[in-house]
Amino acid sequence: MLFGICFSQLSFHSFFFFFTPPFIDNGNNYNLRIEYKVFVDNNEPTSLDVNVSNDLIYSIEGKQYQFQYLIDYMYGKDKLSIDEGLINIHFKSKEGISKDEFLKILQKEYDIK
């Protein structure tokens, strides 16, 4: 869901701010928060840190990272696609979850084909 706010001044300059609420999903074995980024913040570095062991995902921390690049990294280049742009992502699981489980969680909110 995308929301927009317009601020206008008497000089006929308008500023639009678009934002979407974060996707938050806290399961029994994981916590996930994804925020959509409309603009690049040049003061914030782009980063991705993924902890995967024995085909289980334990954590993903990403800042200003292209959602498609994350999907390519996790599932293979050109295997799946998503039309979303930049995201901040925070995912933690003490016991780990499979890539298939992670994909199902993402598909609750995003159209991934």
N, C-alpha and C. Protein backbone atom coordinates (compact mmCIF):
# COMPACT_ATOMS: atom_id res chain seq x y z
N MET A 1 0.84 -1.15 0.00
CA MET A 1 0.00 0.00 0.00
C MET A 1 0.90 1.23 0.00
N LEU A 2 0.63 2.17 -0.90
CA LEU A 2 1.44 3.37 -1.04
C LEU A 2 0.61 4.57 -0.62
N PHE A 3 1.18 5.41 0.22
CA PHE A 3 0.51 6.62 0.66
C PHE A 3 1.30 7.81 0.14
N GLY A 4 0.64 8.91 -0.11
CA GLY A 4 1.33 10.11 -0.53
C GLY A 4 0.80 11.33 0.19
N ILE A 5 1.68 12.25 0.45
CA ILE A 5 1.32 13.51 1.09
C ILE A 5 1.87 14.62 0.23
N CYS A 6 1.08 15.64 -0.01
CA CYS A 6 1.50 16.78 -0.81
C CYS A 6 1.54 18.01 0.08
N PHE A 7 2.66 18.71 0.06
CA PHE A 7 2.79 19.97 0.77
C PHE A 7 2.96 21.07 -0.27
N SER A 8 2.12 22.08 -0.21
CA SER A 8 2.21 23.18 -1.17
C SER A 8 2.48 24.48 -0.43
N GLN A 9 3.21 25.36 -1.08
CA GLN A 9 3.46 26.69 -0.55
C GLN A 9 2.83 27.69 -1.51
N LEU A 10 2.69 28.93 -1.07
CA LEU A 10 2.08 29.96 -1.90
C LEU A 10 2.85 30.21 -3.18
N SER A 11 4.11 29.87 -3.22
CA SER A 11 4.91 30.09 -4.43
C SER A 11 4.71 28.99 -5.46
N PHE A 12 3.69 28.16 -5.25
CA PHE A 12 3.32 27.10 -6.18
C PHE A 12 4.35 25.98 -6.30
N HIS A 13 5.22 25.86 -5.32
CA HIS A 13 6.13 24.71 -5.28
C HIS A 13 5.43 23.62 -4.49
N SER A 14 5.43 22.45 -5.01
CA SER A 14 4.80 21.32 -4.33
C SER A 14 5.85 20.26 -4.04
N PHE A 15 5.70 19.63 -2.90
CA PHE A 15 6.59 18.55 -2.51
C PHE A 15 5.73 17.33 -2.21
N PHE A 16 6.09 16.23 -2.80
CA PHE A 16 5.36 14.99 -2.57
C PHE A 16 6.25 14.03 -1.80
N PHE A 17 5.69 13.42 -0.79
CA PHE A 17 6.39 12.39 -0.02
C PHE A 17 5.56 11.12 -0.12
N PHE A 18 6.16 10.08 -0.63
CA PHE A 18 5.49 8.80 -0.74
C PHE A 18 6.10 7.83 0.25
N PHE A 19 5.26 7.07 0.88
CA PHE A 19 5.77 6.09 1.82
C PHE A 19 4.82 4.92 1.91
N THR A 20 5.37 3.80 2.24
CA THR A 20 4.58 2.60 2.48
C THR A 20 4.88 2.15 3.90
N PRO A 21 3.91 1.59 4.56
CA PRO A 21 4.20 1.06 5.89
C PRO A 21 5.14 -0.13 5.78
N PRO A 22 5.98 -0.36 6.77
CA PRO A 22 6.88 -1.51 6.70
C PRO A 22 6.11 -2.83 6.76
N PHE A 23 6.68 -3.84 6.15
CA PHE A 23 6.15 -5.20 6.26
C PHE A 23 6.82 -5.82 7.48
N ILE A 24 6.01 -6.18 8.46
CA ILE A 24 6.51 -6.79 9.70
C ILE A 24 5.82 -8.14 9.87
N ASP A 25 6.61 -9.17 10.06
CA ASP A 25 6.08 -10.50 10.28
C ASP A 25 6.93 -11.17 11.36
N ASN A 26 6.31 -11.41 12.50
CA ASN A 26 6.99 -12.08 13.60
C ASN A 26 6.39 -13.45 13.81
N GLY A 27 7.09 -14.47 13.35
CA GLY A 27 6.63 -15.84 13.51
C GLY A 27 7.16 -16.46 14.78
N ASN A 28 6.89 -17.73 14.98
CA ASN A 28 7.37 -18.44 16.17
C ASN A 28 8.89 -18.53 16.19
N ASN A 29 9.51 -18.58 15.01
CA ASN A 29 10.94 -18.82 14.91
C ASN A 29 11.69 -17.70 14.20
N TYR A 30 11.04 -16.57 13.96
CA TYR A 30 11.73 -15.51 13.22
C TYR A 30 11.07 -14.15 13.48
N ASN A 31 11.84 -13.10 13.17
CA ASN A 31 11.36 -11.72 13.15
C ASN A 31 11.81 -11.11 11.83
N LEU A 32 10.88 -10.47 11.13
CA LEU A 32 11.19 -9.87 9.84
C LEU A 32 10.59 -8.47 9.78
N ARG A 33 11.39 -7.53 9.30
CA ARG A 33 10.92 -6.17 9.04
C ARG A 33 11.56 -5.70 7.73
N ILE A 34 10.70 -5.28 6.80
CA ILE A 34 11.18 -4.75 5.52
C ILE A 34 10.57 -3.38 5.33
N GLU A 35 11.43 -2.41 5.08
CA GLU A 35 10.99 -1.03 4.80
C GLU A 35 11.37 -0.69 3.37
N TYR A 36 10.42 -0.16 2.65
CA TYR A 36 10.65 0.29 1.28
C TYR A 36 11.31 1.66 1.32
N LYS A 37 12.36 1.85 0.54
CA LYS A 37 13.07 3.13 0.47
C LYS A 37 12.71 3.83 -0.84
N VAL A 38 12.16 5.02 -0.75
CA VAL A 38 11.79 5.76 -1.95
C VAL A 38 13.00 6.46 -2.54
N PHE A 39 13.86 6.99 -1.67
CA PHE A 39 15.04 7.73 -2.13
C PHE A 39 16.30 7.13 -1.53
N VAL A 40 17.40 7.26 -2.24
CA VAL A 40 18.70 6.84 -1.72
C VAL A 40 19.19 7.92 -0.76
N ASP A 41 19.63 7.50 0.41
CA ASP A 41 20.24 8.40 1.38
C ASP A 41 21.75 8.30 1.22
N ASN A 42 22.38 9.32 0.65
CA ASN A 42 23.81 9.27 0.38
C ASN A 42 24.65 9.20 1.65
N ASN A 43 24.05 9.52 2.80
CA ASN A 43 24.77 9.44 4.06
C ASN A 43 24.70 8.05 4.69
N GLU A 44 23.92 7.17 4.10
CA GLU A 44 23.77 5.81 4.60
C GLU A 44 24.35 4.84 3.57
N PRO A 45 25.31 3.99 3.98
CA PRO A 45 25.90 3.07 3.00
C PRO A 45 24.93 1.97 2.59
N THR A 46 25.15 1.45 1.40
CA THR A 46 24.43 0.28 0.93
C THR A 46 25.15 -0.94 1.48
N SER A 47 24.39 -1.86 2.08
CA SER A 47 25.05 -3.03 2.66
C SER A 47 24.10 -4.22 2.68
N LEU A 48 24.70 -5.41 2.72
CA LEU A 48 23.95 -6.65 2.88
C LEU A 48 24.83 -7.63 3.62
N ASP A 49 24.29 -8.20 4.68
CA ASP A 49 24.97 -9.22 5.47
C ASP A 49 24.00 -10.37 5.66
N VAL A 50 24.35 -11.55 5.14
CA VAL A 50 23.47 -12.71 5.19
C VAL A 50 24.21 -13.83 5.93
N ASN A 51 23.52 -14.46 6.87
CA ASN A 51 24.07 -15.60 7.60
C ASN A 51 23.24 -16.83 7.24
N VAL A 52 23.81 -17.68 6.37
CA VAL A 52 23.18 -18.92 5.95
C VAL A 52 24.14 -20.06 6.26
N SER A 53 23.61 -21.11 6.90
CA SER A 53 24.43 -22.27 7.22
C SER A 53 23.58 -23.53 7.07
N ASN A 54 24.14 -24.55 6.41
CA ASN A 54 23.42 -25.80 6.17
C ASN A 54 22.05 -25.56 5.54
N ASP A 55 21.99 -24.63 4.58
CA ASP A 55 20.76 -24.28 3.85
C ASP A 55 19.67 -23.68 4.74
N LEU A 56 20.04 -23.18 5.91
CA LEU A 56 19.09 -22.48 6.78
C LEU A 56 19.52 -21.01 6.90
N ILE A 57 18.53 -20.12 6.82
CA ILE A 57 18.79 -18.69 6.94
C ILE A 57 18.64 -18.30 8.41
N TYR A 58 19.69 -17.68 8.96
CA TYR A 58 19.66 -17.25 10.35
C TYR A 58 19.50 -15.74 10.48
N SER A 59 20.07 -14.99 9.55
CA SER A 59 19.89 -13.54 9.62
C SER A 59 20.17 -12.91 8.26
N ILE A 60 19.49 -11.80 8.05
CA ILE A 60 19.72 -10.94 6.89
C ILE A 60 19.60 -9.51 7.38
N GLU A 61 20.64 -8.73 7.15
CA GLU A 61 20.63 -7.30 7.46
C GLU A 61 21.00 -6.56 6.19
N GLY A 62 20.11 -5.72 5.71
CA GLY A 62 20.39 -4.97 4.49
C GLY A 62 19.95 -3.52 4.62
N LYS A 63 20.74 -2.63 4.09
CA LYS A 63 20.43 -1.20 4.08
C LYS A 63 20.50 -0.70 2.65
N GLN A 64 19.43 -0.05 2.21
CA GLN A 64 19.36 0.54 0.88
C GLN A 64 19.78 -0.46 -0.20
N TYR A 65 19.27 -1.67 -0.08
CA TYR A 65 19.66 -2.75 -0.98
C TYR A 65 18.53 -3.03 -1.96
N GLN A 66 18.88 -3.30 -3.19
CA GLN A 66 17.88 -3.62 -4.21
C GLN A 66 17.24 -4.97 -3.87
N PHE A 67 15.93 -4.99 -3.77
CA PHE A 67 15.20 -6.21 -3.44
C PHE A 67 15.53 -7.32 -4.45
N GLN A 68 15.59 -6.97 -5.73
CA GLN A 68 15.87 -7.97 -6.76
C GLN A 68 17.26 -8.60 -6.54
N TYR A 69 18.24 -7.80 -6.15
CA TYR A 69 19.58 -8.34 -5.89
C TYR A 69 19.56 -9.34 -4.74
N LEU A 70 18.76 -9.06 -3.72
CA LEU A 70 18.62 -10.00 -2.61
C LEU A 70 18.00 -11.32 -3.08
N ILE A 71 16.95 -11.21 -3.88
CA ILE A 71 16.29 -12.41 -4.41
C ILE A 71 17.26 -13.21 -5.29
N ASP A 72 18.03 -12.50 -6.13
CA ASP A 72 19.03 -13.18 -6.97
C ASP A 72 20.08 -13.87 -6.12
N TYR A 73 20.54 -13.22 -5.08
CA TYR A 73 21.56 -13.78 -4.19
C TYR A 73 21.05 -15.04 -3.49
N MET A 74 19.81 -15.00 -3.03
CA MET A 74 19.27 -16.10 -2.25
C MET A 74 18.84 -17.29 -3.13
N TYR A 75 18.30 -17.00 -4.32
CA TYR A 75 17.67 -18.06 -5.11
C TYR A 75 18.31 -18.29 -6.48
N GLY A 76 19.30 -17.50 -6.82
CA GLY A 76 19.96 -17.64 -8.12
C GLY A 76 19.50 -16.55 -9.08
N LYS A 77 20.44 -16.05 -9.84
CA LYS A 77 20.15 -14.97 -10.78
C LYS A 77 19.11 -15.42 -11.81
N ASP A 78 18.12 -14.56 -12.01
CA ASP A 78 17.07 -14.75 -13.01
C ASP A 78 16.15 -15.95 -12.74
N LYS A 79 16.16 -16.49 -11.53
CA LYS A 79 15.24 -17.59 -11.17
C LYS A 79 13.88 -17.04 -10.76
N LEU A 80 13.88 -15.93 -10.02
CA LEU A 80 12.65 -15.29 -9.55
C LEU A 80 12.77 -13.79 -9.81
N SER A 81 11.62 -13.11 -9.86
CA SER A 81 11.67 -11.66 -10.06
C SER A 81 10.68 -10.97 -9.14
N ILE A 82 11.01 -9.72 -8.83
CA ILE A 82 10.18 -8.87 -7.99
C ILE A 82 10.29 -7.46 -8.54
N ASP A 83 9.20 -6.71 -8.47
CA ASP A 83 9.17 -5.36 -9.02
C ASP A 83 9.43 -4.27 -7.98
N GLU A 84 9.88 -4.66 -6.81
CA GLU A 84 10.16 -3.68 -5.76
C GLU A 84 11.56 -3.10 -5.95
N GLY A 85 11.82 -1.96 -5.33
CA GLY A 85 13.11 -1.29 -5.46
C GLY A 85 13.99 -1.46 -4.24
N LEU A 86 14.44 -0.34 -3.71
CA LEU A 86 15.34 -0.34 -2.56
C LEU A 86 14.60 -0.69 -1.28
N ILE A 87 15.27 -1.47 -0.43
CA ILE A 87 14.68 -1.84 0.86
C ILE A 87 15.74 -1.78 1.96
N ASN A 88 15.26 -1.64 3.17
CA ASN A 88 16.01 -1.98 4.37
C ASN A 88 15.37 -3.25 4.88
N ILE A 89 16.17 -4.24 5.24
CA ILE A 89 15.63 -5.51 5.72
C ILE A 89 16.35 -5.94 6.99
N HIS A 90 15.56 -6.43 7.94
CA HIS A 90 16.08 -7.00 9.17
C HIS A 90 15.36 -8.33 9.38
N PHE A 91 16.13 -9.42 9.33
CA PHE A 91 15.57 -10.74 9.55
C PHE A 91 16.46 -11.49 10.52
N LYS A 92 15.83 -12.13 11.53
CA LYS A 92 16.56 -12.94 12.51
C LYS A 92 15.77 -14.20 12.80
N SER A 93 16.49 -15.31 12.91
CA SER A 93 15.90 -16.58 13.31
C SER A 93 16.93 -17.37 14.11
N LYS A 94 16.64 -17.66 15.36
CA LYS A 94 17.60 -18.39 16.20
C LYS A 94 17.82 -19.81 15.70
N GLU A 95 16.76 -20.45 15.23
CA GLU A 95 16.85 -21.83 14.76
C GLU A 95 17.08 -21.94 13.27
N GLY A 96 16.91 -20.84 12.55
CA GLY A 96 17.06 -20.83 11.10
C GLY A 96 15.80 -21.32 10.41
N ILE A 97 15.58 -20.83 9.19
CA ILE A 97 14.47 -21.30 8.37
C ILE A 97 15.01 -21.59 6.98
N SER A 98 14.32 -22.45 6.26
CA SER A 98 14.74 -22.80 4.91
C SER A 98 14.48 -21.65 3.95
N LYS A 99 15.15 -21.70 2.81
CA LYS A 99 14.93 -20.69 1.77
C LYS A 99 13.50 -20.74 1.27
N ASP A 100 12.93 -21.93 1.18
CA ASP A 100 11.53 -22.06 0.75
C ASP A 100 10.58 -21.40 1.75
N GLU A 101 10.83 -21.60 3.04
CA GLU A 101 10.01 -20.94 4.07
C GLU A 101 10.13 -19.43 3.97
N PHE A 102 11.36 -18.96 3.77
CA PHE A 102 11.60 -17.52 3.67
C PHE A 102 10.85 -16.94 2.47
N LEU A 103 10.88 -17.63 1.35
CA LEU A 103 10.16 -17.18 0.16
C LEU A 103 8.66 -17.09 0.43
N LYS A 104 8.10 -18.07 1.10
CA LYS A 104 6.67 -18.05 1.43
C LYS A 104 6.33 -16.86 2.32
N ILE A 105 7.22 -16.52 3.23
CA ILE A 105 6.99 -15.35 4.10
C ILE A 105 6.97 -14.09 3.25
N LEU A 106 7.94 -13.94 2.36
CA LEU A 106 8.00 -12.76 1.49
C LEU A 106 6.76 -12.67 0.60
N GLN A 107 6.28 -13.82 0.13
CA GLN A 107 5.14 -13.83 -0.78
C GLN A 107 3.83 -13.47 -0.08
N LYS A 108 3.82 -13.39 1.23
CA LYS A 108 2.63 -12.88 1.93
C LYS A 108 2.38 -11.42 1.56
N GLU A 109 3.45 -10.69 1.28
CA GLU A 109 3.35 -9.25 1.04
C GLU A 109 3.75 -8.84 -0.39
N TYR A 110 4.65 -9.58 -1.00
CA TYR A 110 5.23 -9.17 -2.28
C TYR A 110 4.91 -10.18 -3.38
N ASP A 111 4.78 -9.66 -4.59
CA ASP A 111 4.52 -10.48 -5.77
C ASP A 111 5.87 -10.93 -6.34
N ILE A 112 6.27 -12.12 -5.96
CA ILE A 112 7.54 -12.69 -6.42
C ILE A 112 7.20 -13.86 -7.32
N LYS A 113 7.69 -13.79 -8.56
CA LYS A 113 7.37 -14.81 -9.56
C LYS A 113 8.60 -15.59 -9.96
